[in-house]
Amino acid sequence: MPYSPKPTKKEVVIAFRTREILAAARKLMEQRGLEAVTMEEIAGAAGVAKGTIYLYFPSKDELIQALITQVGEILLQDIEAIVQAPGSPPEKIRQVASILLDYLSRERALFPAYARDSQQSWGGSHKGYWLRLQEMEEKFLDLVTPVFSQGINAGLFIPANPRLLTFMLRGMVRGVGYYQMNEGQEEAVKEALPLLLTLLSSGLTPKPQAAAEVATP
């Protein structure tokens, strides 16, 4: 087992202060929106001086990027727990769809920035952030694609490209996010969840004739 050195007091303080700043920023952005909140307000809510906050995040953009990364990492941990837990492929896909929509609702203030950043090719000081976004996207595909494969192999899903199905699932959830953002529909997720689950259930389940053909040697 590799040796993990005990963090120094300074590292502990930095980690704690970073979490406090991000938590304060998220709360304010949920209340007032991404664009309206200033770094000075975030600093005040986090209990640090305005000058201090820039030692942790040189700009508001970088603070938002840190928030997006934090949320993405926690979401992936939750999806990994679903994938690794006992359960049938259809049930796991329903759980993944549900948790994606849940995060979309809870983090709707961040979605516009995420949607913008995930489509851009960043360079310079933002390159590391963009690469991290791509890594998280790929990890999502790596986690969910095998679930579709298992369902297809068991005859529980229609024969299809499992990676394509994962892209389509992600695309449908993002579509709800765009609808929520562009139409100002805060209840979009509540409306979308039963629709999405119905689409997944009816669209992925083989028809009786197709299922019989798959079972015929």
Protein backbone atom coordinates (compact mmCIF):
# COMPACT_ATOMS: atom_id res chain seq x y z
CA MET A 1 0.00 0.00 0.00
CA PRO A 2 1.52 3.34 -1.05
CA TYR A 3 2.50 5.71 1.70
CA SER A 4 0.31 8.82 1.96
CA PRO A 5 2.04 11.58 3.90
CA LYS A 6 -0.05 13.32 6.53
CA PRO A 7 -1.19 16.73 5.26
CA THR A 8 0.48 19.72 6.85
CA LYS A 9 -1.45 22.23 8.93
CA LYS A 10 -1.24 24.71 6.05
CA GLU A 11 -2.67 22.17 3.60
CA VAL A 12 -5.53 21.39 5.98
CA VAL A 13 -6.34 25.10 6.35
CA ILE A 14 -6.22 25.62 2.57
CA ALA A 15 -8.53 22.65 1.93
CA PHE A 16 -10.97 23.84 4.60
CA ARG A 17 -10.99 27.42 3.38
CA THR A 18 -11.46 26.29 -0.22
CA ARG A 19 -14.49 24.22 0.74
CA GLU A 20 -15.93 27.15 2.71
CA ILE A 21 -15.54 29.53 -0.23
CA LEU A 22 -17.08 27.08 -2.70
CA ALA A 23 -20.00 26.35 -0.38
CA ALA A 24 -20.67 30.07 0.09
CA ALA A 25 -20.44 30.68 -3.66
CA ARG A 26 -22.88 27.85 -4.45
CA LYS A 27 -25.42 29.11 -1.91
CA LEU A 28 -25.31 32.67 -3.23
CA MET A 29 -25.50 31.55 -6.85
CA GLU A 30 -28.52 29.37 -6.10
CA GLN A 31 -30.25 32.40 -4.56
CA ARG A 32 -29.31 35.09 -7.06
CA GLY A 33 -27.93 33.46 -10.18
CA LEU A 34 -24.45 32.98 -11.55
CA GLU A 35 -23.90 36.41 -13.08
CA ALA A 36 -25.31 38.54 -10.27
CA VAL A 37 -22.99 37.33 -7.52
CA THR A 38 -19.68 39.15 -7.00
CA MET A 39 -16.42 37.90 -5.56
CA GLU A 40 -16.74 40.45 -2.75
CA GLU A 41 -20.11 38.98 -1.76
CA ILE A 42 -18.72 35.46 -1.86
CA ALA A 43 -15.79 36.51 0.32
CA GLY A 44 -18.15 38.07 2.86
CA ALA A 45 -20.36 34.96 2.96
CA ALA A 46 -17.30 32.75 3.42
CA GLY A 47 -15.90 34.94 6.19
CA VAL A 48 -12.72 35.98 4.38
CA ALA A 49 -11.40 39.30 3.15
CA LYS A 50 -11.94 40.19 -0.49
CA GLY A 51 -8.21 40.14 -1.07
CA THR A 52 -7.92 36.71 0.53
CA ILE A 53 -10.40 35.06 -1.82
CA TYR A 54 -8.19 35.93 -4.79
CA LEU A 55 -5.36 33.93 -3.23
CA TYR A 56 -7.56 30.84 -3.66
CA PHE A 57 -9.32 31.77 -6.90
CA PRO A 58 -7.67 34.47 -9.03
CA SER A 59 -10.95 35.14 -10.87
CA LYS A 60 -14.66 34.44 -10.68
CA ASP A 61 -14.35 32.22 -13.76
CA GLU A 62 -11.81 30.02 -11.98
CA LEU A 63 -14.05 29.79 -8.93
CA ILE A 64 -16.95 28.66 -11.11
CA GLN A 65 -14.67 26.13 -12.81
CA ALA A 66 -13.72 24.74 -9.40
CA LEU A 67 -17.41 24.43 -8.51
CA ILE A 68 -18.19 22.59 -11.74
CA THR A 69 -15.27 20.22 -11.18
CA GLN A 70 -16.31 19.59 -7.58
CA VAL A 71 -19.91 18.80 -8.55
CA GLY A 72 -18.76 16.58 -11.42
CA GLU A 73 -16.47 14.53 -9.22
CA ILE A 74 -19.19 13.96 -6.60
CA LEU A 75 -21.69 13.02 -9.31
CA LEU A 76 -19.29 10.46 -10.76
CA GLN A 77 -18.81 8.94 -7.29
CA ASP A 78 -22.58 8.59 -6.96
CA ILE A 79 -22.89 7.00 -10.40
CA GLU A 80 -20.04 4.61 -9.65
CA ALA A 81 -21.85 3.53 -6.47
CA ILE A 82 -25.00 2.81 -8.51
CA VAL A 83 -23.08 0.84 -11.13
CA GLN A 84 -21.22 -1.28 -8.57
CA ALA A 85 -24.27 -2.01 -6.40
CA PRO A 86 -26.44 -5.11 -6.94
CA GLY A 87 -29.30 -4.67 -9.37
CA SER A 88 -30.43 -5.31 -12.91
CA PRO A 89 -29.16 -3.19 -15.83
CA PRO A 90 -32.60 -1.59 -16.41
CA GLU A 91 -32.84 -0.58 -12.76
CA LYS A 92 -29.31 0.84 -12.76
CA ILE A 93 -29.99 2.89 -15.89
CA ARG A 94 -33.15 4.27 -14.32
CA GLN A 95 -31.18 5.20 -11.20
CA VAL A 96 -28.46 6.87 -13.28
CA ALA A 97 -31.05 8.88 -15.22
CA SER A 98 -32.76 9.90 -11.98
CA ILE A 99 -29.58 11.06 -10.29
CA LEU A 100 -28.46 12.99 -13.38
CA LEU A 101 -31.75 14.88 -13.39
CA ASP A 102 -31.52 15.40 -9.63
CA TYR A 103 -28.10 17.02 -9.99
CA LEU A 104 -29.40 19.06 -12.92
CA SER A 105 -32.13 20.48 -10.71
CA ARG A 106 -29.91 21.13 -7.68
CA GLU A 107 -27.09 22.66 -9.72
CA ARG A 108 -29.18 24.56 -12.26
CA ALA A 109 -27.30 27.78 -11.47
CA LEU A 110 -24.09 26.14 -12.70
CA PHE A 111 -25.53 24.47 -15.80
CA PRO A 112 -25.14 27.46 -18.17
CA ALA A 113 -21.42 27.69 -17.38
CA TYR A 114 -20.99 23.92 -17.68
CA ALA A 115 -22.84 23.84 -21.02
CA ARG A 116 -20.62 26.63 -22.34
CA ASP A 117 -17.36 25.22 -21.05
CA SER A 118 -17.97 21.64 -22.18
CA GLN A 119 -18.27 22.85 -25.78
CA GLN A 120 -15.16 25.04 -25.76
CA SER A 121 -11.58 24.08 -26.38
CA TRP A 122 -9.67 25.94 -23.69
CA GLY A 123 -6.01 26.83 -23.85
CA GLY A 124 -3.50 28.62 -21.67
CA SER A 125 -4.29 28.69 -17.97
CA HIS A 126 -7.68 27.04 -18.59
CA LYS A 127 -6.28 24.01 -20.39
CA GLY A 128 -6.06 21.91 -17.24
CA TYR A 129 -9.69 22.64 -16.43
CA TRP A 130 -10.86 21.71 -19.94
CA LEU A 131 -8.88 18.46 -19.82
CA ARG A 132 -10.46 17.64 -16.47
CA LEU A 133 -13.91 18.17 -17.98
CA GLN A 134 -13.04 15.77 -20.79
CA GLU A 135 -11.72 13.22 -18.31
CA MET A 136 -14.97 13.38 -16.34
CA GLU A 137 -17.02 12.99 -19.52
CA GLU A 138 -14.99 9.93 -20.48
CA LYS A 139 -15.31 8.43 -17.00
CA PHE A 140 -19.09 8.78 -17.23
CA LEU A 141 -19.01 6.87 -20.52
CA ASP A 142 -16.73 4.22 -19.00
CA LEU A 143 -19.08 3.74 -16.04
CA VAL A 144 -22.41 3.60 -17.86
CA THR A 145 -21.53 1.93 -21.17
CA PRO A 146 -20.87 -1.51 -19.53
CA VAL A 147 -24.33 -1.37 -17.93
CA PHE A 148 -25.91 -1.00 -21.35
CA SER A 149 -23.67 -3.83 -22.62
CA GLN A 150 -24.80 -6.13 -19.81
CA GLY A 151 -28.43 -5.35 -20.53
CA ILE A 152 -28.00 -6.02 -24.24
CA ASN A 153 -26.16 -9.30 -23.64
CA ALA A 154 -28.90 -10.44 -21.26
CA GLY A 155 -31.61 -9.63 -23.81
CA LEU A 156 -33.03 -6.92 -21.54
CA PHE A 157 -32.21 -4.07 -23.95
CA ILE A 158 -32.55 -3.83 -27.71
CA PRO A 159 -29.40 -4.71 -29.69
CA ALA A 160 -27.52 -1.45 -30.16
CA ASN A 161 -24.16 0.20 -29.73
CA PRO A 162 -23.87 0.56 -25.91
CA ARG A 163 -21.55 3.57 -26.11
CA LEU A 164 -24.02 5.29 -28.44
CA LEU A 165 -26.81 4.58 -25.95
CA THR A 166 -24.72 6.22 -23.21
CA PHE A 167 -24.21 9.30 -25.37
CA MET A 168 -27.96 9.40 -26.04
CA LEU A 169 -28.80 9.17 -22.34
CA ARG A 170 -26.42 12.01 -21.57
CA GLY A 171 -27.83 14.01 -24.47
CA MET A 172 -31.42 13.65 -23.28
CA VAL A 173 -30.48 14.86 -19.81
CA ARG A 174 -28.60 17.82 -21.26
CA GLY A 175 -31.64 18.59 -23.37
CA VAL A 176 -33.66 18.97 -20.17
CA GLY A 177 -30.93 21.29 -18.88
CA TYR A 178 -31.14 23.49 -21.99
CA TYR A 179 -34.93 23.59 -21.70
CA GLN A 180 -34.65 24.52 -18.03
CA MET A 181 -32.13 27.24 -18.85
CA ASN A 182 -33.67 28.76 -21.99
CA GLU A 183 -37.31 28.57 -20.98
CA GLY A 184 -36.79 29.51 -17.34
CA GLN A 185 -38.57 26.37 -16.25
CA GLU A 186 -37.43 25.57 -12.71
CA GLU A 187 -39.86 22.63 -12.58
CA ALA A 188 -38.47 21.13 -15.80
CA VAL A 189 -36.82 18.20 -14.03
CA LYS A 190 -40.03 17.17 -12.23
CA GLU A 191 -41.80 17.22 -15.60
CA ALA A 192 -38.97 15.43 -17.40
CA LEU A 193 -38.25 12.59 -14.98
CA PRO A 194 -41.33 10.43 -15.68
CA LEU A 195 -41.06 11.17 -19.40
CA LEU A 196 -37.40 10.18 -19.53
CA LEU A 197 -37.96 7.00 -17.52
CA THR A 198 -40.86 6.05 -19.80
CA LEU A 199 -38.74 6.65 -22.90
CA LEU A 200 -35.92 4.56 -21.48
CA SER A 201 -38.25 1.75 -20.47
CA SER A 202 -40.27 1.55 -23.68
CA GLY A 203 -37.42 2.37 -26.04
CA LEU A 204 -34.81 0.02 -24.61
CA THR A 205 -37.05 -2.98 -23.90
CA PRO A 206 -37.09 -5.49 -26.78
CA LYS A 207 -40.45 -6.11 -28.38
CA PRO A 208 -41.77 -9.67 -27.89
CA GLN A 209 -40.94 -10.70 -31.45
CA ALA A 210 -37.45 -9.23 -31.28
CA ALA A 211 -36.83 -10.89 -27.92
CA ALA A 212 -37.90 -14.25 -29.35
CA GLU A 213 -35.51 -13.81 -32.28
CA VAL A 214 -32.63 -13.08 -29.90
CA ALA A 215 -33.44 -16.20 -27.87
CA THR A 216 -33.71 -18.45 -30.93
CA PRO A 217 -30.40 -20.28 -31.56
